[in-house]
C-alpha atoms as a PDB file:
ATOM      1  CA  MET A   1     246.503 -84.167  67.849  1.00  0.00           C
ATOM      2  CA  LEU A   2     248.844 -83.623  64.879  1.00  0.00           C
ATOM      3  CA  ARG A   3     247.743 -84.981  61.546  1.00  0.00           C
ATOM      4  CA  PHE A   4     249.911 -85.223  58.420  1.00  0.00           C
ATOM      5  CA  ASN A   5     248.703 -86.085  54.956  1.00  0.00           C
ATOM      6  CA  ASN A   6     250.768 -88.292  52.654  1.00  0.00           C
ATOM      7  CA  ASN A   7     252.227 -85.396  50.675  1.00  0.00           C
ATOM      8  CA  LEU A   8     253.364 -83.592  53.829  1.00  0.00           C
ATOM      9  CA  SER A   9     254.878 -86.745  55.302  1.00  0.00           C
ATOM     10  CA  ARG A  10     256.748 -87.471  52.067  1.00  0.00           C
ATOM     11  CA  SER A  11     258.054 -83.907  51.930  1.00  0.00           C
ATOM     12  CA  LEU A  12     259.164 -84.064  55.553  1.00  0.00           C
ATOM     13  CA  PHE A  13     261.094 -87.290  55.003  1.00  0.00           C
ATOM     14  CA  ILE A  14     262.797 -85.976  51.871  1.00  0.00           C
ATOM     15  CA  PHE A  15     263.803 -82.822  53.762  1.00  0.00           C
ATOM     16  CA  LEU A  16     265.307 -84.863  56.605  1.00  0.00           C
ATOM     17  CA  VAL A  17     267.257 -87.022  54.177  1.00  0.00           C
ATOM     18  CA  LEU A  18     268.703 -83.915  52.519  1.00  0.00           C
ATOM     19  CA  ILE A  19     269.891 -82.335  55.792  1.00  0.00           C
ATOM     20  CA  LEU A  20     271.439 -85.501  57.243  1.00  0.00           C
ATOM     21  CA  PRO A  21     274.862 -85.060  55.557  1.00  0.00           C
ATOM     22  CA  VAL A  22     275.415 -81.559  57.040  1.00  0.00           C
ATOM     23  CA  SER A  23     275.789 -82.711  60.647  1.00  0.00           C
ATOM     24  CA  ALA A  24     279.215 -81.688  61.924  1.00  0.00           C
ATOM     25  CA  GLN A  25     279.505 -83.335  65.307  1.00  0.00           C
ATOM     26  CA  VAL A  26     278.985 -86.999  66.092  1.00  0.00           C
ATOM     27  CA  PRO A  27     276.300 -87.667  68.754  1.00  0.00           C
ATOM     28  CA  THR A  28     276.838 -91.435  68.530  1.00  0.00           C
ATOM     29  CA  ALA A  29     278.858 -94.318  69.991  1.00  0.00           C
ATOM     30  CA  ASN A  30     281.021 -97.154  68.702  1.00  0.00           C
ATOM     31  CA  VAL A  31     281.585-100.761  69.793  1.00  0.00           C
ATOM     32  CA  ARG A  32     284.306-103.151  68.720  1.00  0.00           C
ATOM     33  CA  GLY A  33     285.769-106.438  69.895  1.00  0.00           C
ATOM     34  CA  LEU A  34     287.512-109.722  69.262  1.00  0.00           C
ATOM     35  CA  VAL A  35     285.796-113.093  68.762  1.00  0.00           C
ATOM     36  CA  SER A  36     287.834-116.163  69.771  1.00  0.00           C
ATOM     37  CA  ASP A  37     287.379-119.922  70.375  1.00  0.00           C
ATOM     38  CA  PRO A  38     288.154-122.008  73.504  1.00  0.00           C
ATOM     39  CA  ALA A  39     291.801-122.284  72.396  1.00  0.00           C
ATOM     40  CA  GLN A  40     291.967-118.465  72.209  1.00  0.00           C
ATOM     41  CA  ALA A  41     292.365-118.609  68.433  1.00  0.00           C
ATOM     42  CA  THR A  42     290.537-115.933  66.472  1.00  0.00           C
ATOM     43  CA  VAL A  43     287.251-116.803  64.783  1.00  0.00           C
ATOM     44  CA  THR A  44     286.841-115.376  61.294  1.00  0.00           C
ATOM     45  CA  GLY A  45     283.557-115.061  59.448  1.00  0.00           C
ATOM     46  CA  ALA A  46     281.440-114.890  62.626  1.00  0.00           C
ATOM     47  CA  THR A  47     278.223-112.902  62.268  1.00  0.00           C
ATOM     48  CA  VAL A  48     277.766-110.088  64.787  1.00  0.00           C
ATOM     49  CA  VAL A  49     274.309-108.528  65.054  1.00  0.00           C
ATOM     50  CA  VAL A  50     273.898-105.350  67.124  1.00  0.00           C
ATOM     51  CA  LYS A  51     270.196-104.699  67.831  1.00  0.00           C
ATOM     52  CA  SER A  52     268.625-101.707  69.591  1.00  0.00           C
ATOM     53  CA  LYS A  53     266.303-102.862  72.346  1.00  0.00           C
ATOM     54  CA  GLU A  54     264.312 -99.622  72.153  1.00  0.00           C
ATOM     55  CA  THR A  55     263.696 -99.381  68.393  1.00  0.00           C
ATOM     56  CA  GLY A  56     264.455-102.874  67.091  1.00  0.00           C
ATOM     57  CA  THR A  57     266.882-101.594  64.457  1.00  0.00           C
ATOM     58  CA  GLU A  58     269.813-103.906  63.646  1.00  0.00           C
ATOM     59  CA  ARG A  59     273.373-103.615  62.344  1.00  0.00           C
ATOM     60  CA  ASN A  60     275.069-106.721  60.893  1.00  0.00           C
ATOM     61  CA  VAL A  61     278.829-107.166  60.472  1.00  0.00           C
ATOM     62  CA  THR A  62     281.245-110.099  60.015  1.00  0.00           C
ATOM     63  CA  THR A  63     284.533-110.618  61.826  1.00  0.00           C
ATOM     64  CA  ASN A  64     287.603-110.088  59.647  1.00  0.00           C
ATOM     65  CA  SER A  65     290.684-112.273  59.208  1.00  0.00           C
ATOM     66  CA  ALA A  66     291.919-111.200  62.653  1.00  0.00           C
ATOM     67  CA  GLY A  67     288.605-112.115  64.300  1.00  0.00           C
ATOM     68  CA  GLU A  68     287.743-108.476  64.928  1.00  0.00           C
ATOM     69  CA  TYR A  69     284.451-106.631  64.442  1.00  0.00           C
ATOM     70  CA  GLN A  70     283.484-102.973  64.674  1.00  0.00           C
ATOM     71  CA  VAL A  71     280.113-101.202  64.546  1.00  0.00           C
ATOM     72  CA  ALA A  72     280.235 -97.417  64.400  1.00  0.00           C
ATOM     73  CA  ASN A  73     277.752 -94.525  64.597  1.00  0.00           C
ATOM     74  CA  LEU A  74     275.269 -96.170  66.963  1.00  0.00           C
ATOM     75  CA  PRO A  75     272.733 -93.899  68.685  1.00  0.00           C
ATOM     76  CA  PRO A  76     273.085 -94.007  72.479  1.00  0.00           C
ATOM     77  CA  GLY A  77     270.906 -96.613  74.158  1.00  0.00           C
ATOM     78  CA  GLU A  78     270.647-100.249  75.233  1.00  0.00           C
ATOM     79  CA  TYR A  79     271.782-102.861  72.715  1.00  0.00           C
ATOM     80  CA  GLU A  80     271.775-106.628  72.362  1.00  0.00           C
ATOM     81  CA  ILE A  81     274.910-108.015  70.703  1.00  0.00           C
ATOM     82  CA  LYS A  82     274.552-111.530  69.228  1.00  0.00           C
ATOM     83  CA  VAL A  83     277.481-113.536  67.813  1.00  0.00           C
ATOM     84  CA  THR A  84     276.900-116.689  65.709  1.00  0.00           C
ATOM     85  CA  ARG A  85     279.241-119.039  63.860  1.00  0.00           C
ATOM     86  CA  THR A  86     278.803-122.560  62.560  1.00  0.00           C
ATOM     87  CA  GLY A  87     280.199-125.061  65.046  1.00  0.00           C
ATOM     88  CA  PHE A  88     279.871-122.721  68.006  1.00  0.00           C
ATOM     89  CA  LYS A  89     277.105-121.839  70.450  1.00  0.00           C
ATOM     90  CA  THR A  90     275.397-118.486  69.925  1.00  0.00           C
ATOM     91  CA  GLN A  91     276.381-115.831  72.462  1.00  0.00           C
ATOM     92  CA  ILE A  92     274.286-112.829  73.487  1.00  0.00           C
ATOM     93  CA  ARG A  93     275.303-109.857  75.598  1.00  0.00           C
ATOM     94  CA  THR A  94     273.392-106.700  76.592  1.00  0.00           C
ATOM     95  CA  LEU A  95     275.341-103.475  76.434  1.00  0.00           C
ATOM     96  CA  VAL A  96     274.471 -99.849  77.234  1.00  0.00           C
ATOM     97  CA  LEU A  97     276.158 -97.284  74.975  1.00  0.00           C
ATOM     98  CA  ARG A  98     276.448 -93.619  75.919  1.00  0.00           C
ATOM     99  CA  VAL A  99     277.142 -90.713  73.627  1.00  0.00           C
ATOM    100  CA  GLY A 100     280.850 -90.598  72.763  1.00  0.00           C
ATOM    101  CA  ASP A 101     281.526 -94.168  73.904  1.00  0.00           C
ATOM    102  CA  ASN A 102     284.125 -96.183  71.999  1.00  0.00           C
ATOM    103  CA  LEU A 103     283.948 -99.499  73.861  1.00  0.00           C
ATOM    104  CA  THR A 104     285.552-102.903  73.490  1.00  0.00           C
ATOM    105  CA  SER A 105     283.388-106.006  73.997  1.00  0.00           C
ATOM    106  CA  ASP A 106     285.117-109.347  73.332  1.00  0.00           C
ATOM    107  CA  PHE A 107     283.462-112.778  72.919  1.00  0.00           C
ATOM    108  CA  ALA A 108     284.906-116.241  73.657  1.00  0.00           C
ATOM    109  CA  LEU A 109     282.739-118.768  71.830  1.00  0.00           C
ATOM    110  CA  GLU A 110     282.046-122.298  73.086  1.00  0.00           C
ATOM    111  CA  VAL A 111     281.972-125.356  70.851  1.00  0.00           C
ATOM    112  CA  GLY A 112     278.449-126.573  70.132  1.00  0.00           C
ATOM    113  CA  GLN A 113     275.404-126.102  67.946  1.00  0.00           C
ATOM    114  CA  ALA A 114     274.454-122.611  66.790  1.00  0.00           C
ATOM    115  CA  SER A 115     270.910-123.344  68.015  1.00  0.00           C
ATOM    116  CA  GLU A 116     272.282-123.383  71.577  1.00  0.00           C
ATOM    117  CA  THR A 117     272.380-119.933  73.159  1.00  0.00           C
ATOM    118  CA  VAL A 118     274.656-118.595  75.898  1.00  0.00           C
ATOM    119  CA  VAL A 119     273.490-115.351  77.538  1.00  0.00           C
ATOM    120  CA  ILE A 120     276.397-113.480  79.105  1.00  0.00           C
ATOM    121  CA  THR A 121     275.512-111.706  82.357  1.00  0.00           C
ATOM    122  CA  GLY A 122     277.724-110.273  85.068  1.00  0.00           C
ATOM    123  CA  ASP A 123     280.641-110.121  82.689  1.00  0.00           C
ATOM    124  CA  THR A 124     283.687-107.910  83.093  1.00  0.00           C
ATOM    125  CA  PRO A 125     282.579-104.335  82.261  1.00  0.00           C
ATOM    126  CA  THR A 126     283.433-103.138  78.790  1.00  0.00           C
ATOM    127  CA  ILE A 127     286.111-100.478  78.736  1.00  0.00           C
ATOM    128  CA  ASN A 128     287.500 -97.916  76.338  1.00  0.00           C
ATOM    129  CA  THR A 129     291.004 -99.073  75.355  1.00  0.00           C
ATOM    130  CA  THR A 130     291.542 -96.768  72.388  1.00  0.00           C
ATOM    131  CA  ASP A 131     290.909 -93.153  73.507  1.00  0.00           C
ATOM    132  CA  PHE A 132     292.741 -91.040  76.060  1.00  0.00           C
ATOM    133  CA  LYS A 133     290.221 -88.196  76.286  1.00  0.00           C
ATOM    134  CA  ILE A 134     288.862 -86.857  79.572  1.00  0.00           C
ATOM    135  CA  SER A 135     285.103 -86.655  79.405  1.00  0.00           C
ATOM    136  CA  GLY A 136     281.915 -87.561  81.204  1.00  0.00           C
ATOM    137  CA  VAL A 137     278.278 -88.204  80.355  1.00  0.00           C
ATOM    138  CA  VAL A 138     275.188 -86.931  82.180  1.00  0.00           C
ATOM    139  CA  ASN A 139     272.515 -89.557  81.583  1.00  0.00           C
ATOM    140  CA  ARG A 140     268.725 -89.402  81.472  1.00  0.00           C
ATOM    141  CA  LYS A 141     268.326 -90.638  85.051  1.00  0.00           C
ATOM    142  CA  GLN A 142     270.429 -87.777  86.396  1.00  0.00           C
ATOM    143  CA  ILE A 143     268.565 -85.242  84.259  1.00  0.00           C
ATOM    144  CA  GLU A 144     265.236 -86.478  85.630  1.00  0.00           C
ATOM    145  CA  SER A 145     266.262 -86.916  89.263  1.00  0.00           C
ATOM    146  CA  LEU A 146     268.626 -84.082  90.186  1.00  0.00           C
ATOM    147  CA  PRO A 147     266.962 -80.790  91.243  1.00  0.00           C
ATOM    148  CA  LEU A 148     267.304 -77.852  88.858  1.00  0.00           C
ATOM    149  CA  ASN A 149     266.279 -74.270  89.607  1.00  0.00           C
ATOM    150  CA  GLY A 150     264.549 -73.290  86.369  1.00  0.00           C
ATOM    151  CA  ARG A 151     264.832 -76.671  84.606  1.00  0.00           C
ATOM    152  CA  ASN A 152     267.833 -75.925  82.409  1.00  0.00           C
ATOM    153  CA  PHE A 153     269.783 -79.138  81.806  1.00  0.00           C
ATOM    154  CA  LEU A 154     273.099 -77.323  81.175  1.00  0.00           C
ATOM    155  CA  GLN A 155     273.388 -76.680  84.925  1.00  0.00           C
ATOM    156  CA  LEU A 156     274.280 -80.366  85.280  1.00  0.00           C
ATOM    157  CA  ALA A 157     277.512 -79.787  83.348  1.00  0.00           C
ATOM    158  CA  MET A 158     278.993 -78.864  86.738  1.00  0.00           C
ATOM    159  CA  LEU A 159     279.020 -82.570  87.588  1.00  0.00           C
ATOM    160  CA  GLU A 160     282.202 -82.858  85.521  1.00  0.00           C
ATOM    161  CA  PRO A 161     285.469 -81.639  87.125  1.00  0.00           C
ATOM    162  CA  GLY A 162     286.871 -78.425  85.726  1.00  0.00           C
ATOM    163  CA  VAL A 163     283.514 -77.178  84.438  1.00  0.00           C
ATOM    164  CA  ASN A 164     281.817 -73.994  85.668  1.00  0.00           C
ATOM    165  CA  VAL A 165     278.266 -72.955  84.761  1.00  0.00           C
ATOM    166  CA  GLU A 166     277.128 -69.361  85.050  1.00  0.00           C
ATOM    167  CA  ALA A 167     273.514 -68.191  84.897  1.00  0.00           C
ATOM    168  CA  THR A 168     272.908 -64.941  83.060  1.00  0.00           C
ATOM    169  CA  ALA A 169     270.160 -63.058  81.291  1.00  0.00           C
ATOM    170  CA  ALA A 170     269.982 -61.559  77.834  1.00  0.00           C
ATOM    171  CA  PRO A 171     267.931 -58.328  78.128  1.00  0.00           C
ATOM    172  CA  GLY A 172     266.543 -57.145  74.834  1.00  0.00           C
ATOM    173  CA  THR A 173     267.251 -60.416  73.022  1.00  0.00           C
ATOM    174  CA  SER A 174     265.410 -63.120  74.947  1.00  0.00           C
ATOM    175  CA  PRO A 175     263.236 -63.171  78.072  1.00  0.00           C
ATOM    176  CA  ASN A 176     264.678 -66.504  79.093  1.00  0.00           C
ATOM    177  CA  ASN A 177     267.550 -67.077  81.443  1.00  0.00           C
ATOM    178  CA  PHE A 178     270.270 -69.150  79.850  1.00  0.00           C
ATOM    179  CA  PHE A 179     273.539 -70.658  81.013  1.00  0.00           C
ATOM    180  CA  ARG A 180     277.107 -70.191  79.881  1.00  0.00           C
ATOM    181  CA  VAL A 181     279.550 -73.046  80.353  1.00  0.00           C
ATOM    182  CA  SER A 182     283.256 -72.494  80.999  1.00  0.00           C
ATOM    183  CA  ILE A 183     285.770 -75.365  80.785  1.00  0.00           C
ATOM    184  CA  ALA A 184     289.138 -75.197  82.558  1.00  0.00           C
ATOM    185  CA  GLY A 185     288.647 -71.528  83.365  1.00  0.00           C
ATOM    186  CA  ALA A 186     288.501 -70.467  79.697  1.00  0.00           C
ATOM    187  CA  SER A 187     286.000 -68.049  78.219  1.00  0.00           C
ATOM    188  CA  GLN A 188     282.446 -69.361  77.757  1.00  0.00           C
ATOM    189  CA  THR A 189     282.594 -68.352  74.084  1.00  0.00           C
ATOM    190  CA  MET A 190     285.196 -71.080  73.505  1.00  0.00           C
ATOM    191  CA  THR A 191     282.934 -73.936  74.637  1.00  0.00           C
ATOM    192  CA  ARG A 192     281.277 -75.703  71.713  1.00  0.00           C
ATOM    193  CA  ILE A 193     277.673 -76.802  72.354  1.00  0.00           C
ATOM    194  CA  SER A 194     275.784 -78.984  69.864  1.00  0.00           C
ATOM    195  CA  VAL A 195     272.478 -80.850  69.789  1.00  0.00           C
ATOM    196  CA  ASP A 196     272.283 -83.968  67.591  1.00  0.00           C
ATOM    197  CA  GLY A 197     275.369 -82.753  65.713  1.00  0.00           C
ATOM    198  CA  ALA A 198     274.163 -79.211  65.046  1.00  0.00           C
ATOM    199  CA  PRO A 199     275.916 -76.324  66.893  1.00  0.00           C
ATOM    200  CA  ILE A 200     273.667 -73.981  68.903  1.00  0.00           C
ATOM    201  CA  ASN A 201     276.307 -71.598  70.241  1.00  0.00           C
ATOM    202  CA  ASP A 202     275.706 -67.921  70.736  1.00  0.00           C
ATOM    203  CA  ARG A 203     279.091 -66.690  69.562  1.00  0.00           C
ATOM    204  CA  ILE A 204     278.542 -63.213  71.066  1.00  0.00           C
ATOM    205  CA  THR A 205     277.565 -64.001  74.650  1.00  0.00           C
ATOM    206  CA  GLY A 206     278.968 -67.502  74.993  1.00  0.00           C
ATOM    207  CA  GLY A 207     275.639 -69.123  75.799  1.00  0.00           C
ATOM    208  CA  THR A 208     273.196 -70.984  73.630  1.00  0.00           C
ATOM    209  CA  ALA A 209     271.152 -69.468  70.843  1.00  0.00           C
ATOM    210  CA  GLN A 210     268.424 -72.094  71.107  1.00  0.00           C
ATOM    211  CA  ASN A 211     266.621 -73.474  74.143  1.00  0.00           C
ATOM    212  CA  PHE A 212     265.692 -77.109  74.679  1.00  0.00           C
ATOM    213  CA  SER A 213     263.337 -78.418  77.307  1.00  0.00           C
ATOM    214  CA  GLN A 214     264.753 -80.701  79.963  1.00  0.00           C
ATOM    215  CA  GLU A 215     262.147 -83.227  78.780  1.00  0.00           C
ATOM    216  CA  MET A 216     263.767 -83.325  75.335  1.00  0.00           C
ATOM    217  CA  VAL A 217     267.312 -84.224  76.426  1.00  0.00           C
ATOM    218  CA  GLN A 218     268.334 -87.889  76.520  1.00  0.00           C
ATOM    219  CA  GLU A 219     271.921 -87.353  77.680  1.00  0.00           C
ATOM    220  CA  PHE A 220     274.944 -85.191  76.963  1.00  0.00           C
ATOM    221  CA  GLN A 221     278.690 -85.657  76.825  1.00  0.00           C
ATOM    222  CA  ILE A 222     281.115 -83.128  78.329  1.00  0.00           C
ATOM    223  CA  SER A 223     284.539 -83.314  76.719  1.00  0.00           C
ATOM    224  CA  THR A 224     287.195 -81.364  78.586  1.00  0.00           C
ATOM    225  CA  PHE A 225     290.933 -82.150  78.413  1.00  0.00           C
ATOM    226  CA  ASN A 226     292.252 -84.221  75.508  1.00  0.00           C
ATOM    227  CA  TYR A 227     288.708 -84.012  74.176  1.00  0.00           C
ATOM    228  CA  ASP A 228     287.321 -86.132  71.336  1.00  0.00           C
ATOM    229  CA  LEU A 229     287.836 -84.247  68.067  1.00  0.00           C
ATOM    230  CA  SER A 230     284.690 -85.818  66.637  1.00  0.00           C
ATOM    231  CA  THR A 231     282.653 -83.586  68.955  1.00  0.00           C
ATOM    232  CA  SER A 232     284.043 -80.460  67.271  1.00  0.00           C
ATOM    233  CA  VAL A 233     287.231 -78.532  66.691  1.00  0.00           C
ATOM    234  CA  THR A 234     287.655 -76.077  69.556  1.00  0.00           C
ATOM    235  CA  SER A 235     290.514 -74.843  71.692  1.00  0.00           C
ATOM    236  CA  VAL A 236     288.962 -75.957  74.990  1.00  0.00           C
ATOM    237  CA  GLY A 237     286.147 -78.501  75.066  1.00  0.00           C
ATOM    238  CA  SER A 238     282.617 -79.228  74.003  1.00  0.00           C
ATOM    239  CA  ILE A 239     279.172 -80.353  75.118  1.00  0.00           C
ATOM    240  CA  ASN A 240     277.549 -82.954  72.869  1.00  0.00           C
ATOM    241  CA  VAL A 241     273.783 -83.219  73.482  1.00  0.00           C
ATOM    242  CA  VAL A 242     271.535 -86.035  72.253  1.00  0.00           C
ATOM    243  CA  SER A 243     267.792 -85.419  72.103  1.00  0.00           C
ATOM    244  CA  ARG A 244     265.185 -88.016  73.038  1.00  0.00           C
ATOM    245  CA  GLY A 245     263.485 -90.021  70.340  1.00  0.00           C
ATOM    246  CA  GLY A 246     260.535 -92.365  70.089  1.00  0.00           C
ATOM    247  CA  THR A 247     260.731 -96.122  70.605  1.00  0.00           C
ATOM    248  CA  ASN A 248     258.544 -99.148  69.940  1.00  0.00           C
ATOM    249  CA  GLU A 249     256.695 -98.456  73.187  1.00  0.00           C
ATOM    250  CA  LEU A 250     254.424 -95.463  73.721  1.00  0.00           C
ATOM    251  CA  HIS A 251     255.904 -93.480  76.608  1.00  0.00           C
ATOM    252  CA  GLY A 252     255.354 -90.051  78.098  1.00  0.00           C
ATOM    253  CA  SER A 253     255.402 -87.869  81.194  1.00  0.00           C
ATOM    254  CA  ALA A 254     253.853 -84.692  82.608  1.00  0.00           C
ATOM    255  CA  PHE A 255     254.965 -82.215  85.281  1.00  0.00           C
ATOM    256  CA  ILE A 256     253.794 -79.198  87.238  1.00  0.00           C
ATOM    257  CA  TYR A 257     256.144 -77.082  89.394  1.00  0.00           C
ATOM    258  CA  TYR A 258     255.300 -74.020  91.473  1.00  0.00           C
ATOM    259  CA  ARG A 259     257.458 -71.688  93.545  1.00  0.00           C
ATOM    260  CA  ASP A 260     256.655 -68.285  95.132  1.00  0.00           C
ATOM    261  CA  HIS A 261     258.238 -65.568  97.256  1.00  0.00           C
ATOM    262  CA  ASN A 262     257.420 -67.353 100.512  1.00  0.00           C
ATOM    263  CA  THR A 263     260.248 -69.776  99.778  1.00  0.00           C
ATOM    264  CA  ALA A 264     262.679 -67.244  98.272  1.00  0.00           C
ATOM    265  CA  ALA A 265     265.022 -64.660  99.767  1.00  0.00           C
ATOM    266  CA  PHE A 266     264.598 -60.911  99.297  1.00  0.00           C
ATOM    267  CA  PRO A 267     266.252 -60.017  95.956  1.00  0.00           C
ATOM    268  CA  GLY A 268     268.135 -57.037  97.455  1.00  0.00           C
ATOM    269  CA  PHE A 269     270.621 -56.592 100.276  1.00  0.00           C
ATOM    270  CA  ASN A 270     268.154 -55.046 102.714  1.00  0.00           C
ATOM    271  CA  ARG A 271     264.563 -53.891 103.157  1.00  0.00           C
ATOM    272  CA  ASP A 272     264.961 -50.120 103.467  1.00  0.00           C
ATOM    273  CA  SER A 273     261.510 -48.514 103.558  1.00  0.00           C
ATOM    274  CA  ARG A 274     263.069 -45.068 103.054  1.00  0.00           C
ATOM    275  CA  ARG A 275     264.695 -46.272  99.876  1.00  0.00           C
ATOM    276  CA  PHE A 276     261.728 -48.215  98.515  1.00  0.00           C
ATOM    277  CA  GLU A 277     258.632 -46.144  99.239  1.00  0.00           C
ATOM    278  CA  ASP A 278     256.408 -48.578  97.368  1.00  0.00           C
ATOM    279  CA  PRO A 279     255.432 -51.411  99.789  1.00  0.00           C
ATOM    280  CA  ALA A 280     255.321 -53.822  96.860  1.00  0.00           C
ATOM    281  CA  LEU A 281     259.044 -53.277  96.299  1.00  0.00           C
ATOM    282  CA  ASN A 282     259.907 -53.914  99.952  1.00  0.00           C
ATOM    283  CA  ASN A 283     258.078 -57.211  99.789  1.00  0.00           C
ATOM    284  CA  PRO A 284     258.073 -58.088  96.068  1.00  0.00           C
ATOM    285  CA  PHE A 285     255.810 -60.855  94.867  1.00  0.00           C
ATOM    286  CA  PHE A 286     257.474 -63.739  93.052  1.00  0.00           C
ATOM    287  CA  ALA A 287     255.845 -66.770  91.497  1.00  0.00           C
ATOM    288  CA  ARG A 288     257.079 -69.326  88.962  1.00  0.00           C
ATOM    289  CA  ARG A 289     254.683 -71.757  87.333  1.00  0.00           C
ATOM    290  CA  GLN A 290     256.190 -74.414  85.077  1.00  0.00           C
ATOM    291  CA  MET A 291     254.189 -77.161  83.458  1.00  0.00           C
ATOM    292  CA  GLY A 292     254.405 -79.408  80.443  1.00  0.00           C
ATOM    293  CA  GLY A 293     255.184 -82.919  79.355  1.00  0.00           C
ATOM    294  CA  SER A 294     256.402 -85.220  76.630  1.00  0.00           C
ATOM    295  CA  LEU A 295     255.081 -88.111  74.563  1.00  0.00           C
ATOM    296  CA  GLY A 296     256.690 -90.448  72.053  1.00  0.00           C
ATOM    297  CA  GLY A 297     256.176 -93.732  70.299  1.00  0.00           C
ATOM    298  CA  PRO A 298     256.130 -95.558  66.962  1.00  0.00           C
ATOM    299  CA  ILE A 299     254.402 -94.571  63.773  1.00  0.00           C
ATOM    300  CA  LYS A 300     255.481 -97.890  62.268  1.00  0.00           C
ATOM    301  CA  LYS A 301     257.132-100.436  64.562  1.00  0.00           C
ATOM    302  CA  ASP A 302     260.873-100.926  64.028  1.00  0.00           C
ATOM    303  CA  ASN A 303     260.819 -98.265  61.313  1.00  0.00           C
ATOM    304  CA  ILE A 304     259.331 -94.793  62.015  1.00  0.00           C
ATOM    305  CA  PHE A 305     259.284 -93.068  65.409  1.00  0.00           C
ATOM    306  CA  TRP A 306     258.223 -89.709  66.843  1.00  0.00           C
ATOM    307  CA  PHE A 307     258.768 -87.723  70.030  1.00  0.00           C
ATOM    308  CA  PHE A 308     257.257 -84.401  71.133  1.00  0.00           C
ATOM    309  CA  SER A 309     257.688 -82.187  74.199  1.00  0.00           C
ATOM    310  CA  PHE A 310     256.062 -78.962  75.402  1.00  0.00           C
ATOM    311  CA  GLU A 311     256.906 -76.681  78.296  1.00  0.00           C
ATOM    312  CA  ASN A 312     255.349 -73.454  79.567  1.00  0.00           C
ATOM    313  CA  ASN A 313     257.111 -71.117  82.003  1.00  0.00           C
ATOM    314  CA  ASN A 314     254.950 -68.354  83.470  1.00  0.00           C
ATOM    315  CA  GLN A 315     256.834 -66.255  85.980  1.00  0.00           C
ATOM    316  CA  ASP A 316     256.182 -63.078  87.965  1.00  0.00           C
ATOM    317  CA  GLY A 317     259.684 -62.000  88.965  1.00  0.00           C
ATOM    318  CA  VAL A 318     261.683 -58.927  89.872  1.00  0.00           C
ATOM    319  CA  PHE A 319     264.850 -57.223  88.692  1.00  0.00           C
ATOM    320  CA  THR A 320     267.171 -55.650  91.313  1.00  0.00           C
ATOM    321  CA  VAL A 321     269.514 -52.683  90.875  1.00  0.00           C
ATOM    322  CA  THR A 322     271.854 -52.104  93.856  1.00  0.00           C
ATOM    323  CA  ASN A 323     274.693 -49.616  93.397  1.00  0.00           C
ATOM    324  CA  ASN A 324     276.255 -49.745  96.906  1.00  0.00           C
ATOM    325  CA  HIS A 325     277.497 -46.172  96.734  1.00  0.00           C
ATOM    326  CA  PRO A 326     276.450 -43.191  98.911  1.00  0.00           C
ATOM    327  CA  ILE A 327     275.719 -41.016  95.894  1.00  0.00           C
ATOM    328  CA  SER A 328     274.215 -43.482  93.404  1.00  0.00           C
ATOM    329  CA  SER A 329     272.379 -45.659  95.916  1.00  0.00           C
ATOM    330  CA  GLN A 330     269.372 -43.323  95.623  1.00  0.00           C
ATOM    331  CA  TYR A 331     268.756 -44.998  92.275  1.00  0.00           C
ATOM    332  CA  ASP A 332     268.531 -48.493  93.784  1.00  0.00           C
ATOM    333  CA  HIS A 333     265.253 -50.165  92.984  1.00  0.00           C
ATOM    334  CA  VAL A 334     263.424 -53.469  92.524  1.00  0.00           C
ATOM    335  CA  ALA A 335     261.457 -53.553  89.286  1.00  0.00           C
ATOM    336  CA  PRO A 336     258.965 -56.113  87.936  1.00  0.00           C
ATOM    337  CA  ASN A 337     260.419 -58.631  85.500  1.00  0.00           C
ATOM    338  CA  PRO A 338     257.664 -60.927  84.218  1.00  0.00           C
ATOM    339  CA  LEU A 339     258.208 -63.913  81.908  1.00  0.00           C
ATOM    340  CA  ASP A 340     255.801 -65.912  79.811  1.00  0.00           C
ATOM    341  CA  ALA A 341     257.675 -68.380  77.629  1.00  0.00           C
ATOM    342  CA  LYS A 342     256.555 -71.461  75.735  1.00  0.00           C
ATOM    343  CA  GLN A 343     258.751 -73.919  73.901  1.00  0.00           C
ATOM    344  CA  SER A 344     258.118 -77.143  72.031  1.00  0.00           C
ATOM    345  CA  ASN A 345     260.410 -79.641  70.379  1.00  0.00           C
ATOM    346  CA  ALA A 346     259.697 -82.518  68.011  1.00  0.00           C
ATOM    347  CA  ARG A 347     261.856 -85.288  66.611  1.00  0.00           C
ATOM    348  CA  PHE A 348     261.172 -87.889  63.925  1.00  0.00           C
ATOM    349  CA  ASP A 349     263.385 -90.940  63.217  1.00  0.00           C
ATOM    350  CA  PHE A 350     263.031 -93.391  60.373  1.00  0.00           C
ATOM    351  CA  LYS A 351     264.961 -96.198  58.691  1.00  0.00           C
ATOM    352  CA  LEU A 352     265.156 -96.127  54.917  1.00  0.00           C
ATOM    353  CA  THR A 353     266.790 -99.524  54.371  1.00  0.00           C
ATOM    354  CA  ASP A 354     268.864-102.065  56.315  1.00  0.00           C
END
């Protein structure tokens, strides 16, 4: 259990406030629309309240002289949009926003008392009528459900056309395997990768300089052709990752995965006993044990939230050298390559004022 005294909590909040302005990318979404009456005339001065169903936070705006409203910089999630105006019935619609969304959601009010409520369901899907970018979003359900060898969420970037993901290792710098993402056949070093607005690129190798557990990722946007400039300035495209945060409900998960050599292929091209005199190298042992979990919830309802994840990867693996040449093949070998890596991530969210 983590315990913070008042001084530490106050210092942490002040630190977070100070670093907020330095975020470069925009891991958020926008919603806009037009409010009209039964005669299709615009309704000015209508109150539009956008409320997060997970955290209870609200944004309030008023339609302008053209009957339009816009709410920007909304964290991805499920929202309730409520429109009220004197002389008209209140309308409510539920909307799911993904990272990078810039959606249009119009309302046609009905004459009546504001105390009467109309809940809009099965309406025409909201669409993006302002951007011409080509991008896609990998959501939390896909991250949880699709199988991943090694539990690195960046592998799922291949779901978007024109994206290639390459697994590689970084000997001498990190024991972890990491993934490099190429967009439209360009070099991996040209792909911009950010988490909650902060870039995590490894500018030398083209991968990431910081690892995040699959448990910590809420969703991520892959911008390819005609990409959204708010996700970064780059010559190719970008990956915009949003981490998971706490909500008003306590929620968590735990996992254990195990894999060994009985379900894996031999890591060389053949089993040549003359080449590998050590029997252990002709039948190398491999085992991967991954376990961990996540937990999040409120510190103060509708105001302060926390989320924490932990993952341990203990692996007994091998490293193969195969030269495929009559002279140098005598140096072929399979060497042990163990891994014991632990990673943890934490996120705190809070609302200062309305």
